[in-house]
Amino acid sequence: MTTTDSENPFADFRNLSFRETPDRDDPEKIFAIVEATGFFSEVEIEISVELVRERLLYGVESGYFFLFAEDSNKRLVGYTCYGPVTGTQSSFDLYWIVVGNNFQGCGLGKLLDGKTVDLVRKMGGTRIYAETSSREQYEPTREFYLKAGYHETAYLEDFYAPGDGKIIFVKKVV
């Protein structure tokens, strides 16, 4: 069920805290929140966990940066994973943006995206790229990116599988 800001008691986010540094419990937390959405495949879930493990092992040298949103009980309710695109001057990838089921539709995704844009700006980024599947299942994801100020910049036909293209969105960081 999707709720409006006025219907969701968490819409003002007073009880949320944000942090950037991953801790040792984050692989399990990320697994739980990504799996609970019921949206992602097993392979996608594994990838989400692998990125935070890489960060824990190699630090910022991994190229993976995070923004975690937690409730007052330190439960993960949303996060982003992003990083600079190797070989570019100031481009970044948004690898993941996930919002827990209880917080979907109340603006947390928009807030996480905005805070991530601010962090990318502080790191010297000028563009953020996000990619997603062209499958019907990902229509809400594509709508989110468009509403968040991204625009479609490329379509790669049959990228993931026959009939499943990759759509690349870009957002200028100003």
Protein backbone atom coordinates (compact mmCIF):
# COMPACT_ATOMS: atom_id res chain seq x y z
CA MET A 1 0.00 0.00 0.00
CA THR A 2 1.31 3.41 -0.90
CA THR A 3 0.62 6.26 1.48
CA THR A 4 0.83 10.00 1.18
CA ASP A 5 2.96 12.15 3.44
CA SER A 6 -0.07 13.06 5.56
CA GLU A 7 -1.04 9.39 6.06
CA ASN A 8 2.41 8.13 7.02
CA PRO A 9 3.50 8.97 10.56
CA PHE A 10 7.15 8.69 9.52
CA ALA A 11 6.90 11.11 6.60
CA ASP A 12 8.65 13.89 8.52
CA PHE A 13 11.52 11.50 9.27
CA ARG A 14 12.06 12.86 12.79
CA ASN A 15 12.91 9.41 14.08
CA LEU A 16 15.47 8.64 11.40
CA SER A 17 19.21 9.02 11.55
CA PHE A 18 21.65 8.90 8.67
CA ARG A 19 25.18 7.58 8.53
CA GLU A 20 27.76 7.03 5.82
CA THR A 21 30.17 4.56 7.38
CA PRO A 22 29.27 0.89 7.01
CA ASP A 23 29.57 -1.36 10.05
CA ARG A 24 30.04 -5.11 10.34
CA ASP A 25 26.29 -5.77 10.68
CA ASP A 26 25.41 -4.02 7.42
CA PRO A 27 25.76 -7.02 5.08
CA GLU A 28 23.00 -8.79 7.02
CA LYS A 29 20.90 -5.62 7.26
CA ILE A 30 21.22 -4.99 3.53
CA PHE A 31 20.35 -8.59 2.74
CA ALA A 32 17.24 -8.34 4.91
CA ILE A 33 15.93 -5.05 3.50
CA VAL A 34 16.64 -5.91 -0.14
CA GLU A 35 15.15 -9.40 0.15
CA ALA A 36 12.08 -8.17 2.05
CA THR A 37 11.07 -5.90 -0.82
CA GLY A 38 10.28 -9.03 -2.83
CA PHE A 39 11.44 -7.08 -5.85
CA PHE A 40 14.98 -8.26 -6.53
CA SER A 41 16.33 -11.58 -7.80
CA GLU A 42 18.70 -13.74 -5.75
CA VAL A 43 21.61 -12.58 -7.90
CA GLU A 44 20.70 -8.92 -7.35
CA ILE A 45 20.44 -9.49 -3.60
CA GLU A 46 23.87 -11.14 -3.59
CA ILE A 47 25.33 -8.16 -5.47
CA SER A 48 23.85 -5.68 -2.97
CA VAL A 49 25.52 -7.53 -0.11
CA GLU A 50 28.81 -7.96 -1.97
CA LEU A 51 29.21 -4.20 -2.44
CA VAL A 52 29.03 -3.47 1.28
CA ARG A 53 31.40 -6.37 1.99
CA GLU A 54 33.86 -4.88 -0.49
CA ARG A 55 33.61 -1.55 1.32
CA LEU A 56 34.19 -3.20 4.70
CA LEU A 57 37.25 -5.04 3.36
CA TYR A 58 38.87 -2.28 1.32
CA GLY A 59 37.45 0.96 2.71
CA VAL A 60 37.04 3.93 0.39
CA GLU A 61 39.53 2.32 -2.02
CA SER A 62 36.69 -0.06 -2.94
CA GLY A 63 34.98 2.85 -4.69
CA TYR A 64 31.68 2.08 -2.94
CA PHE A 65 30.11 4.73 -0.74
CA PHE A 66 26.93 4.41 1.29
CA LEU A 67 24.22 6.42 2.94
CA PHE A 68 22.16 4.50 5.49
CA ALA A 69 18.83 5.62 6.96
CA GLU A 70 17.94 4.00 10.29
CA ASP A 71 15.00 4.29 12.63
CA SER A 72 15.34 5.03 16.35
CA ASN A 73 15.95 1.31 17.00
CA LYS A 74 18.87 1.26 14.52
CA ARG A 75 16.86 -0.77 12.01
CA LEU A 76 17.85 -0.09 8.41
CA VAL A 77 14.91 1.49 6.59
CA GLY A 78 16.69 2.60 3.40
CA TYR A 79 20.08 3.11 1.84
CA THR A 80 22.02 4.16 -1.21
CA CYS A 81 25.25 2.82 -2.63
CA TYR A 82 27.15 5.04 -5.05
CA GLY A 83 30.65 5.73 -6.23
CA PRO A 84 32.87 7.47 -8.75
CA VAL A 85 33.04 5.98 -12.23
CA THR A 86 36.60 4.80 -12.80
CA GLY A 87 38.34 6.67 -15.60
CA THR A 88 36.07 9.71 -15.49
CA GLN A 89 36.73 13.18 -14.15
CA SER A 90 33.53 13.68 -12.17
CA SER A 91 30.89 11.06 -13.01
CA PHE A 92 29.31 8.84 -10.36
CA ASP A 93 27.16 5.73 -10.46
CA LEU A 94 24.16 5.24 -8.21
CA TYR A 95 24.41 1.48 -7.76
CA TRP A 96 21.55 0.99 -5.32
CA ILE A 97 18.72 2.93 -3.77
CA VAL A 98 16.48 0.76 -1.61
CA VAL A 99 13.65 1.77 0.69
CA GLY A 100 12.11 -0.68 3.14
CA ASN A 101 8.52 -1.72 2.55
CA ASN A 102 7.15 0.28 5.50
CA PHE A 103 8.70 3.49 4.16
CA GLN A 104 7.88 3.21 0.47
CA GLY A 105 5.73 5.99 -0.92
CA CYS A 106 6.41 8.51 1.83
CA GLY A 107 9.35 10.39 0.31
CA LEU A 108 12.27 8.54 1.87
CA GLY A 109 13.63 7.55 -1.54
CA LYS A 110 13.57 11.18 -2.63
CA LEU A 111 15.28 12.21 0.61
CA LEU A 112 17.97 9.55 0.23
CA ASP A 113 18.55 10.59 -3.38
CA GLY A 114 18.83 14.26 -2.39
CA LYS A 115 21.28 13.53 0.41
CA THR A 116 23.28 11.30 -1.93
CA VAL A 117 23.44 14.08 -4.51
CA ASP A 118 24.79 16.39 -1.80
CA LEU A 119 27.48 13.85 -0.90
CA VAL A 120 28.43 13.38 -4.55
CA ARG A 121 28.67 17.16 -4.95
CA LYS A 122 31.03 17.36 -1.95
CA MET A 123 33.17 14.69 -3.62
CA GLY A 124 33.42 16.78 -6.80
CA GLY A 125 30.82 14.87 -8.79
CA THR A 126 28.92 16.60 -11.58
CA ARG A 127 26.75 13.76 -12.93
CA ILE A 128 25.11 10.71 -11.41
CA TYR A 129 24.20 7.74 -13.57
CA ALA A 130 21.60 5.16 -12.60
CA GLU A 131 20.73 2.13 -14.65
CA THR A 132 17.79 -0.24 -14.55
CA SER A 133 16.05 -2.92 -16.53
CA SER A 134 13.51 -2.23 -19.23
CA ARG A 135 11.26 -5.02 -17.90
CA GLU A 136 7.76 -4.00 -16.84
CA GLN A 137 8.61 -4.90 -13.24
CA TYR A 138 10.99 -1.93 -13.14
CA GLU A 139 8.47 0.68 -14.31
CA PRO A 140 8.13 2.11 -10.76
CA THR A 141 11.92 2.42 -10.61
CA ARG A 142 12.01 4.31 -13.89
CA GLU A 143 9.19 6.58 -12.71
CA PHE A 144 11.10 7.27 -9.50
CA TYR A 145 14.22 8.35 -11.40
CA LEU A 146 12.23 10.66 -13.66
CA LYS A 147 10.41 12.25 -10.70
CA ALA A 148 13.75 12.66 -8.90
CA GLY A 149 15.16 14.76 -11.74
CA TYR A 150 17.02 12.13 -13.75
CA HIS A 151 16.46 11.85 -17.47
CA GLU A 152 16.86 8.88 -19.75
CA THR A 153 20.11 9.14 -21.63
CA ALA A 154 20.59 5.69 -23.20
CA TYR A 155 18.85 2.44 -23.97
CA LEU A 156 20.82 -0.73 -24.63
CA GLU A 157 18.59 -3.32 -26.26
CA ASP A 158 18.69 -6.91 -24.96
CA PHE A 159 21.45 -6.00 -22.48
CA TYR A 160 20.44 -8.25 -19.57
CA ALA A 161 18.64 -10.87 -21.66
CA PRO A 162 16.63 -11.05 -24.87
CA GLY A 163 13.81 -8.56 -24.44
CA ASP A 164 15.39 -7.03 -21.32
CA GLY A 165 17.28 -3.86 -22.14
CA LYS A 166 19.29 -1.56 -19.91
CA ILE A 167 18.02 1.99 -19.46
CA ILE A 168 20.54 4.54 -18.24
CA PHE A 169 19.43 7.69 -16.48
CA VAL A 170 21.57 10.72 -15.66
CA LYS A 171 21.17 13.57 -13.21
CA LYS A 172 23.32 16.68 -13.34
CA VAL A 173 24.66 17.67 -9.96
CA VAL A 174 24.31 21.43 -9.62
